[in-house]
Amino acid sequence: MDVTPELLQESYAQLNEVLGTEQMMKVFEIYRGRQISFPMRLYDRKKVAQKIIAEYNGHNLVQLTHKYDYSQRWIRQMIRQNDSKTE
């Protein structure tokens, strides 16, 4: 299908700009007509919590907050929950 970029709906125009026409058409074919919302965070909370628990060494809280884009408060909470489970 030939695509005329200036006629595209705004969301498809943005996808076309970012992904290119071929990939935009794949998205169109798979998802057309659906309402899609993307989570604010890239990573899954449960999976991040497991990684943080595995990587936390008692001194790297700030590094983990930057690496996974979660607050220090949330990371401390995950560590405390894990500590209470292991006791």
PDB file of N, CA and C in Angstrom:
ATOM      1  N   MET A   1       0.834  -1.179   0.000  1.00  0.00           N
ATOM      2  CA  MET A   1       0.000   0.000   0.000  1.00  0.00           C
ATOM      3  C   MET A   1       0.881   1.246   0.000  1.00  0.00           C
ATOM      4  N   ASP A   2       0.638   2.135  -0.922  1.00  0.00           N
ATOM      5  CA  ASP A   2       1.360   3.406  -0.946  1.00  0.00           C
ATOM      6  C   ASP A   2       0.804   4.311   0.141  1.00  0.00           C
ATOM      7  N   VAL A   3       1.698   4.946   0.885  1.00  0.00           N
ATOM      8  CA  VAL A   3       1.293   5.807   1.993  1.00  0.00           C
ATOM      9  C   VAL A   3       1.632   7.255   1.650  1.00  0.00           C
ATOM     10  N   THR A   4       0.669   8.134   1.859  1.00  0.00           N
ATOM     11  CA  THR A   4       0.881   9.568   1.676  1.00  0.00           C
ATOM     12  C   THR A   4       1.002  10.187   3.066  1.00  0.00           C
ATOM     13  N   PRO A   5       2.236  10.431   3.528  1.00  0.00           N
ATOM     14  CA  PRO A   5       2.466  10.864   4.912  1.00  0.00           C
ATOM     15  C   PRO A   5       1.656  12.084   5.351  1.00  0.00           C
ATOM     16  N   GLU A   6       1.484  13.058   4.478  1.00  0.00           N
ATOM     17  CA  GLU A   6       0.779  14.277   4.893  1.00  0.00           C
ATOM     18  C   GLU A   6      -0.710  14.052   5.151  1.00  0.00           C
ATOM     19  N   LEU A   7      -1.244  12.892   4.761  1.00  0.00           N
ATOM     20  CA  LEU A   7      -2.650  12.583   4.987  1.00  0.00           C
ATOM     21  C   LEU A   7      -2.887  11.703   6.219  1.00  0.00           C
ATOM     22  N   LEU A   8      -1.816  11.264   6.866  1.00  0.00           N
ATOM     23  CA  LEU A   8      -1.941  10.347   8.003  1.00  0.00           C
ATOM     24  C   LEU A   8      -2.574  11.021   9.219  1.00  0.00           C
ATOM     25  N   GLN A   9      -3.334  10.218   9.985  1.00  0.00           N
ATOM     26  CA  GLN A   9      -3.812  10.653  11.296  1.00  0.00           C
ATOM     27  C   GLN A   9      -2.583  10.999  12.135  1.00  0.00           C
ATOM     28  N   GLU A  10      -2.741  11.899  13.096  1.00  0.00           N
ATOM     29  CA  GLU A  10      -1.599  12.366  13.889  1.00  0.00           C
ATOM     30  C   GLU A  10      -0.803  11.230  14.533  1.00  0.00           C
ATOM     31  N   SER A  11      -1.481  10.282  15.164  1.00  0.00           N
ATOM     32  CA  SER A  11      -0.753   9.199  15.836  1.00  0.00           C
ATOM     33  C   SER A  11       0.026   8.355  14.830  1.00  0.00           C
ATOM     34  N   TYR A  12      -0.558   8.092  13.672  1.00  0.00           N
ATOM     35  CA  TYR A  12       0.160   7.329  12.647  1.00  0.00           C
ATOM     36  C   TYR A  12       1.286   8.159  12.035  1.00  0.00           C
ATOM     37  N   ALA A  13       1.084   9.450  11.917  1.00  0.00           N
ATOM     38  CA  ALA A  13       2.140  10.324  11.395  1.00  0.00           C
ATOM     39  C   ALA A  13       3.350  10.301  12.328  1.00  0.00           C
ATOM     40  N   GLN A  14       3.087  10.325  13.637  1.00  0.00           N
ATOM     41  CA  GLN A  14       4.187  10.271  14.607  1.00  0.00           C
ATOM     42  C   GLN A  14       4.911   8.932  14.531  1.00  0.00           C
ATOM     43  N   LEU A  15       4.151   7.854  14.457  1.00  0.00           N
ATOM     44  CA  LEU A  15       4.777   6.531  14.324  1.00  0.00           C
ATOM     45  C   LEU A  15       5.578   6.441  13.038  1.00  0.00           C
ATOM     46  N   ASN A  16       5.044   6.990  11.969  1.00  0.00           N
ATOM     47  CA  ASN A  16       5.733   6.981  10.682  1.00  0.00           C
ATOM     48  C   ASN A  16       7.065   7.719  10.784  1.00  0.00           C
ATOM     49  N   GLU A  17       7.053   8.845  11.494  1.00  0.00           N
ATOM     50  CA  GLU A  17       8.259   9.639  11.668  1.00  0.00           C
ATOM     51  C   GLU A  17       9.305   8.895  12.500  1.00  0.00           C
ATOM     52  N   VAL A  18       8.859   8.245  13.556  1.00  0.00           N
ATOM     53  CA  VAL A  18       9.777   7.572  14.482  1.00  0.00           C
ATOM     54  C   VAL A  18      10.239   6.218  13.949  1.00  0.00           C
ATOM     55  N   LEU A  19       9.306   5.438  13.412  1.00  0.00           N
ATOM     56  CA  LEU A  19       9.604   4.055  13.029  1.00  0.00           C
ATOM     57  C   LEU A  19       9.872   3.856  11.547  1.00  0.00           C
ATOM     58  N   GLY A  20       9.366   4.745  10.738  1.00  0.00           N
ATOM     59  CA  GLY A  20       9.428   4.547   9.296  1.00  0.00           C
ATOM     60  C   GLY A  20       8.116   3.940   8.812  1.00  0.00           C
ATOM     61  N   THR A  21       7.880   4.067   7.521  1.00  0.00           N
ATOM     62  CA  THR A  21       6.593   3.663   6.950  1.00  0.00           C
ATOM     63  C   THR A  21       6.318   2.171   7.101  1.00  0.00           C
ATOM     64  N   GLU A  22       7.303   1.341   6.843  1.00  0.00           N
ATOM     65  CA  GLU A  22       7.086  -0.109   6.905  1.00  0.00           C
ATOM     66  C   GLU A  22       6.660  -0.558   8.304  1.00  0.00           C
ATOM     67  N   GLN A  23       7.375  -0.089   9.323  1.00  0.00           N
ATOM     68  CA  GLN A  23       7.043  -0.467  10.701  1.00  0.00           C
ATOM     69  C   GLN A  23       5.718   0.155  11.144  1.00  0.00           C
ATOM     70  N   MET A  24       5.458   1.391  10.715  1.00  0.00           N
ATOM     71  CA  MET A  24       4.185   2.036  11.039  1.00  0.00           C
ATOM     72  C   MET A  24       3.030   1.229  10.473  1.00  0.00           C
ATOM     73  N   MET A  25       3.183   0.713   9.278  1.00  0.00           N
ATOM     74  CA  MET A  25       2.131  -0.092   8.654  1.00  0.00           C
ATOM     75  C   MET A  25       1.916  -1.397   9.419  1.00  0.00           C
ATOM     76  N   LYS A  26       2.975  -1.977   9.960  1.00  0.00           N
ATOM     77  CA  LYS A  26       2.824  -3.185  10.776  1.00  0.00           C
ATOM     78  C   LYS A  26       2.002  -2.877  12.026  1.00  0.00           C
ATOM     79  N   VAL A  27       2.306  -1.755  12.670  1.00  0.00           N
ATOM     80  CA  VAL A  27       1.538  -1.338  13.846  1.00  0.00           C
ATOM     81  C   VAL A  27       0.083  -1.122  13.447  1.00  0.00           C
ATOM     82  N   PHE A  28      -0.137  -0.455  12.338  1.00  0.00           N
ATOM     83  CA  PHE A  28      -1.493  -0.199  11.843  1.00  0.00           C
ATOM     84  C   PHE A  28      -2.252  -1.502  11.624  1.00  0.00           C
ATOM     85  N   GLU A  29      -1.617  -2.455  10.970  1.00  0.00           N
ATOM     86  CA  GLU A  29      -2.283  -3.725  10.660  1.00  0.00           C
ATOM     87  C   GLU A  29      -2.613  -4.523  11.922  1.00  0.00           C
ATOM     88  N   ILE A  30      -1.732  -4.487  12.895  1.00  0.00           N
ATOM     89  CA  ILE A  30      -1.934  -5.267  14.119  1.00  0.00           C
ATOM     90  C   ILE A  30      -2.924  -4.593  15.068  1.00  0.00           C
ATOM     91  N   TYR A  31      -2.840  -3.271  15.223  1.00  0.00           N
ATOM     92  CA  TYR A  31      -3.580  -2.579  16.278  1.00  0.00           C
ATOM     93  C   TYR A  31      -4.698  -1.660  15.795  1.00  0.00           C
ATOM     94  N   ARG A  32      -4.938  -1.561  14.517  1.00  0.00           N
ATOM     95  CA  ARG A  32      -5.918  -0.572  14.041  1.00  0.00           C
ATOM     96  C   ARG A  32      -7.283  -0.779  14.687  1.00  0.00           C
ATOM     97  N   GLY A  33      -7.876   0.333  15.056  1.00  0.00           N
ATOM     98  CA  GLY A  33      -9.182   0.307  15.693  1.00  0.00           C
ATOM     99  C   GLY A  33      -9.151   0.099  17.192  1.00  0.00           C
ATOM    100  N   ARG A  34      -7.996  -0.226  17.733  1.00  0.00           N
ATOM    101  CA  ARG A  34      -7.883  -0.460  19.181  1.00  0.00           C
ATOM    102  C   ARG A  34      -7.428   0.812  19.887  1.00  0.00           C
ATOM    103  N   GLN A  35      -7.885   0.953  21.100  1.00  0.00           N
ATOM    104  CA  GLN A  35      -7.427   2.045  21.955  1.00  0.00           C
ATOM    105  C   GLN A  35      -6.264   1.501  22.772  1.00  0.00           C
ATOM    106  N   ILE A  36      -5.104   2.092  22.643  1.00  0.00           N
ATOM    107  CA  ILE A  36      -3.915   1.598  23.334  1.00  0.00           C
ATOM    108  C   ILE A  36      -3.369   2.705  24.231  1.00  0.00           C
ATOM    109  N   SER A  37      -3.061   2.328  25.461  1.00  0.00           N
ATOM    110  CA  SER A  37      -2.361   3.264  26.340  1.00  0.00           C
ATOM    111  C   SER A  37      -1.109   2.555  26.837  1.00  0.00           C
ATOM    112  N   PHE A  38      -0.044   3.300  26.928  1.00  0.00           N
ATOM    113  CA  PHE A  38       1.223   2.738  27.366  1.00  0.00           C
ATOM    114  C   PHE A  38       1.484   3.141  28.811  1.00  0.00           C
ATOM    115  N   PRO A  39       2.017   2.228  29.622  1.00  0.00           N
ATOM    116  CA  PRO A  39       2.331   2.557  31.016  1.00  0.00           C
ATOM    117  C   PRO A  39       3.338   3.706  31.088  1.00  0.00           C
ATOM    118  N   MET A  40       3.263   4.462  32.166  1.00  0.00           N
ATOM    119  CA  MET A  40       4.195   5.575  32.375  1.00  0.00           C
ATOM    120  C   MET A  40       5.624   5.064  32.571  1.00  0.00           C
ATOM    121  N   ARG A  41       5.743   3.889  33.119  1.00  0.00           N
ATOM    122  CA  ARG A  41       7.071   3.325  33.366  1.00  0.00           C
ATOM    123  C   ARG A  41       7.387   2.257  32.327  1.00  0.00           C
ATOM    124  N   LEU A  42       8.628   2.210  31.950  1.00  0.00           N
ATOM    125  CA  LEU A  42       9.075   1.238  30.959  1.00  0.00           C
ATOM    126  C   LEU A  42       9.131  -0.167  31.548  1.00  0.00           C
ATOM    127  N   TYR A  43       9.574  -0.258  32.798  1.00  0.00           N
ATOM    128  CA  TYR A  43       9.806  -1.562  33.410  1.00  0.00           C
ATOM    129  C   TYR A  43       8.655  -2.000  34.311  1.00  0.00           C
ATOM    130  N   ASP A  44       8.435  -3.310  34.391  1.00  0.00           N
ATOM    131  CA  ASP A  44       7.416  -3.927  35.236  1.00  0.00           C
ATOM    132  C   ASP A  44       7.851  -3.876  36.703  1.00  0.00           C
ATOM    133  N   ARG A  45       6.960  -3.421  37.580  1.00  0.00           N
ATOM    134  CA  ARG A  45       7.286  -3.238  39.001  1.00  0.00           C
ATOM    135  C   ARG A  45       7.765  -4.519  39.677  1.00  0.00           C
ATOM    136  N   LYS A  46       7.083  -5.624  39.450  1.00  0.00           N
ATOM    137  CA  LYS A  46       7.454  -6.879  40.112  1.00  0.00           C
ATOM    138  C   LYS A  46       8.833  -7.347  39.668  1.00  0.00           C
ATOM    139  N   LYS A  47       9.103  -7.230  38.380  1.00  0.00           N
ATOM    140  CA  LYS A  47      10.406  -7.654  37.861  1.00  0.00           C
ATOM    141  C   LYS A  47      11.513  -6.736  38.359  1.00  0.00           C
ATOM    142  N   VAL A  48      11.228  -5.435  38.414  1.00  0.00           N
ATOM    143  CA  VAL A  48      12.213  -4.483  38.930  1.00  0.00           C
ATOM    144  C   VAL A  48      12.495  -4.765  40.400  1.00  0.00           C
ATOM    145  N   ALA A  49      11.464  -5.049  41.169  1.00  0.00           N
ATOM    146  CA  ALA A  49      11.655  -5.350  42.596  1.00  0.00           C
ATOM    147  C   ALA A  49      12.587  -6.544  42.767  1.00  0.00           C
ATOM    148  N   GLN A  50      12.412  -7.578  41.967  1.00  0.00           N
ATOM    149  CA  GLN A  50      13.283  -8.753  42.046  1.00  0.00           C
ATOM    150  C   GLN A  50      14.725  -8.390  41.706  1.00  0.00           C
ATOM    151  N   LYS A  51      14.908  -7.573  40.662  1.00  0.00           N
ATOM    152  CA  LYS A  51      16.261  -7.161  40.261  1.00  0.00           C
ATOM    153  C   LYS A  51      16.913  -6.321  41.350  1.00  0.00           C
ATOM    154  N   ILE A  52      16.139  -5.403  41.919  1.00  0.00           N
ATOM    155  CA  ILE A  52      16.670  -4.527  42.965  1.00  0.00           C
ATOM    156  C   ILE A  52      17.111  -5.346  44.168  1.00  0.00           C
ATOM    157  N   ILE A  53      16.295  -6.287  44.572  1.00  0.00           N
ATOM    158  CA  ILE A  53      16.638  -7.141  45.711  1.00  0.00           C
ATOM    159  C   ILE A  53      17.924  -7.909  45.425  1.00  0.00           C
ATOM    160  N   ALA A  54      18.070  -8.393  44.205  1.00  0.00           N
ATOM    161  CA  ALA A  54      19.273  -9.136  43.828  1.00  0.00           C
ATOM    162  C   ALA A  54      20.503  -8.230  43.770  1.00  0.00           C
ATOM    163  N   GLU A  55      20.328  -6.979  43.344  1.00  0.00           N
ATOM    164  CA  GLU A  55      21.463  -6.074  43.138  1.00  0.00           C
ATOM    165  C   GLU A  55      21.796  -5.205  44.347  1.00  0.00           C
ATOM    166  N   TYR A  56      20.877  -5.086  45.290  1.00  0.00           N
ATOM    167  CA  TYR A  56      21.097  -4.192  46.431  1.00  0.00           C
ATOM    168  C   TYR A  56      22.201  -4.741  47.328  1.00  0.00           C
ATOM    169  N   ASN A  57      23.185  -3.882  47.613  1.00  0.00           N
ATOM    170  CA  ASN A  57      24.306  -4.314  48.449  1.00  0.00           C
ATOM    171  C   ASN A  57      24.394  -3.544  49.766  1.00  0.00           C
ATOM    172  N   GLY A  58      23.358  -2.761  50.060  1.00  0.00           N
ATOM    173  CA  GLY A  58      23.356  -1.974  51.287  1.00  0.00           C
ATOM    174  C   GLY A  58      23.895  -0.568  51.111  1.00  0.00           C
ATOM    175  N   HIS A  59      24.536  -0.289  49.968  1.00  0.00           N
ATOM    176  CA  HIS A  59      25.163   1.017  49.746  1.00  0.00           C
ATOM    177  C   HIS A  59      24.833   1.622  48.377  1.00  0.00           C
ATOM    178  N   ASN A  60      24.033   0.967  47.583  1.00  0.00           N
ATOM    179  CA  ASN A  60      23.823   1.434  46.207  1.00  0.00           C
ATOM    180  C   ASN A  60      22.383   1.873  45.916  1.00  0.00           C
ATOM    181  N   LEU A  61      21.710   2.383  46.916  1.00  0.00           N
ATOM    182  CA  LEU A  61      20.316   2.804  46.765  1.00  0.00           C
ATOM    183  C   LEU A  61      20.165   3.884  45.687  1.00  0.00           C
ATOM    184  N   VAL A  62      21.009   4.898  45.721  1.00  0.00           N
ATOM    185  CA  VAL A  62      20.916   6.000  44.754  1.00  0.00           C
ATOM    186  C   VAL A  62      21.150   5.494  43.332  1.00  0.00           C
ATOM    187  N   GLN A  63      22.131   4.633  43.161  1.00  0.00           N
ATOM    188  CA  GLN A  63      22.407   4.088  41.831  1.00  0.00           C
ATOM    189  C   GLN A  63      21.208   3.303  41.300  1.00  0.00           C
ATOM    190  N   LEU A  64      20.562   2.540  42.168  1.00  0.00           N
ATOM    191  CA  LEU A  64      19.398   1.755  41.744  1.00  0.00           C
ATOM    192  C   LEU A  64      18.221   2.653  41.378  1.00  0.00           C
ATOM    193  N   THR A  65      18.062   3.768  42.088  1.00  0.00           N
ATOM    194  CA  THR A  65      16.970   4.690  41.744  1.00  0.00           C
ATOM    195  C   THR A  65      17.179   5.271  40.356  1.00  0.00           C
ATOM    196  N   HIS A  66      18.404   5.594  40.017  1.00  0.00           N
ATOM    197  CA  HIS A  66      18.693   6.136  38.684  1.00  0.00           C
ATOM    198  C   HIS A  66      18.588   5.061  37.609  1.00  0.00           C
ATOM    199  N   LYS A  67      19.080   3.896  37.909  1.00  0.00           N
ATOM    200  CA  LYS A  67      19.086   2.809  36.925  1.00  0.00           C
ATOM    201  C   LYS A  67      17.675   2.383  36.524  1.00  0.00           C
ATOM    202  N   TYR A  68      16.777   2.274  37.506  1.00  0.00           N
ATOM    203  CA  TYR A  68      15.437   1.742  37.234  1.00  0.00           C
ATOM    204  C   TYR A  68      14.328   2.795  37.265  1.00  0.00           C
ATOM    205  N   ASP A  69      14.673   4.039  37.564  1.00  0.00           N
ATOM    206  CA  ASP A  69      13.719   5.153  37.548  1.00  0.00           C
ATOM    207  C   ASP A  69      12.565   4.956  38.532  1.00  0.00           C
ATOM    208  N   TYR A  70      12.896   4.474  39.715  1.00  0.00           N
ATOM    209  CA  TYR A  70      11.924   4.371  40.807  1.00  0.00           C
ATOM    210  C   TYR A  70      12.469   5.169  41.982  1.00  0.00           C
ATOM    211  N   SER A  71      11.588   5.615  42.858  1.00  0.00           N
ATOM    212  CA  SER A  71      11.999   6.460  43.980  1.00  0.00           C
ATOM    213  C   SER A  71      12.757   5.653  45.037  1.00  0.00           C
ATOM    214  N   GLN A  72      13.567   6.366  45.805  1.00  0.00           N
ATOM    215  CA  GLN A  72      14.282   5.722  46.907  1.00  0.00           C
ATOM    216  C   GLN A  72      13.291   5.133  47.900  1.00  0.00           C
ATOM    217  N   ARG A  73      12.214   5.847  48.126  1.00  0.00           N
ATOM    218  CA  ARG A  73      11.188   5.364  49.060  1.00  0.00           C
ATOM    219  C   ARG A  73      10.631   4.023  48.603  1.00  0.00           C
ATOM    220  N   TRP A  74      10.289   3.905  47.326  1.00  0.00           N
ATOM    221  CA  TRP A  74       9.722   2.661  46.802  1.00  0.00           C
ATOM    222  C   TRP A  74      10.747   1.532  46.884  1.00  0.00           C
ATOM    223  N   ILE A  75      11.994   1.828  46.545  1.00  0.00           N
ATOM    224  CA  ILE A  75      13.047   0.810  46.588  1.00  0.00           C
ATOM    225  C   ILE A  75      13.271   0.334  48.025  1.00  0.00           C
ATOM    226  N   ARG A  76      13.322   1.274  48.972  1.00  0.00           N
ATOM    227  CA  ARG A  76      13.459   0.879  50.383  1.00  0.00           C
ATOM    228  C   ARG A  76      12.301  -0.014  50.812  1.00  0.00           C
ATOM    229  N   GLN A  77      11.101   0.330  50.373  1.00  0.00           N
ATOM    230  CA  GLN A  77       9.913  -0.456  50.712  1.00  0.00           C
ATOM    231  C   GLN A  77      10.042  -1.879  50.170  1.00  0.00           C
ATOM    232  N   MET A  78      10.516  -2.039  48.954  1.00  0.00           N
ATOM    233  CA  MET A  78      10.688  -3.369  48.361  1.00  0.00           C
ATOM    234  C   MET A  78      11.731  -4.168  49.133  1.00  0.00           C
ATOM    235  N   ILE A  79      12.801  -3.497  49.535  1.00  0.00           N
ATOM    236  CA  ILE A  79      13.860  -4.168  50.297  1.00  0.00           C
ATOM    237  C   ILE A  79      13.325  -4.602  51.664  1.00  0.00           C
ATOM    238  N   ARG A  80      12.574  -3.719  52.335  1.00  0.00           N
ATOM    239  CA  ARG A  80      11.983  -4.066  53.640  1.00  0.00           C
ATOM    240  C   ARG A  80      11.016  -5.238  53.515  1.00  0.00           C
ATOM    241  N   GLN A  81      10.179  -5.218  52.488  1.00  0.00           N
ATOM    242  CA  GLN A  81       9.235  -6.324  52.283  1.00  0.00           C
ATOM    243  C   GLN A  81       9.983  -7.634  52.092  1.00  0.00           C
ATOM    244  N   ASN A  82      11.051  -7.588  51.341  1.00  0.00           N
ATOM    245  CA  ASN A  82      11.846  -8.796  51.119  1.00  0.00           C
ATOM    246  C   ASN A  82      12.496  -9.258  52.415  1.00  0.00           C
ATOM    247  N   ASP A  83      13.019  -8.304  53.191  1.00  0.00           N
ATOM    248  CA  ASP A  83      13.647  -8.653  54.469  1.00  0.00           C
ATOM    249  C   ASP A  83      12.647  -9.303  55.414  1.00  0.00           C
ATOM    250  N   SER A  84      11.417  -8.785  55.446  1.00  0.00           N
ATOM    251  CA  SER A  84      10.405  -9.356  56.344  1.00  0.00           C
ATOM    252  C   SER A  84       9.971 -10.746  55.884  1.00  0.00           C
ATOM    253  N   LYS A  85      10.028 -11.024  54.597  1.00  0.00           N
ATOM    254  CA  LYS A  85       9.686 -12.360  54.081  1.00  0.00           C
ATOM    255  C   LYS A  85      10.755 -13.384  54.441  1.00  0.00           C
ATOM    256  N   THR A  86      12.013 -12.940  54.468  1.00  0.00           N
ATOM    257  CA  THR A  86      13.114 -13.866  54.705  1.00  0.00           C
ATOM    258  C   THR A  86      13.367 -14.118  56.186  1.00  0.00           C
ATOM    259  N   GLU A  87      12.733 -13.340  57.043  1.00  0.00           N
ATOM    260  CA  GLU A  87      12.945 -13.534  58.495  1.00  0.00           C
ATOM    261  C   GLU A  87      12.086 -14.637  59.038  1.00  0.00           C
TER     262      GLU A  87
END
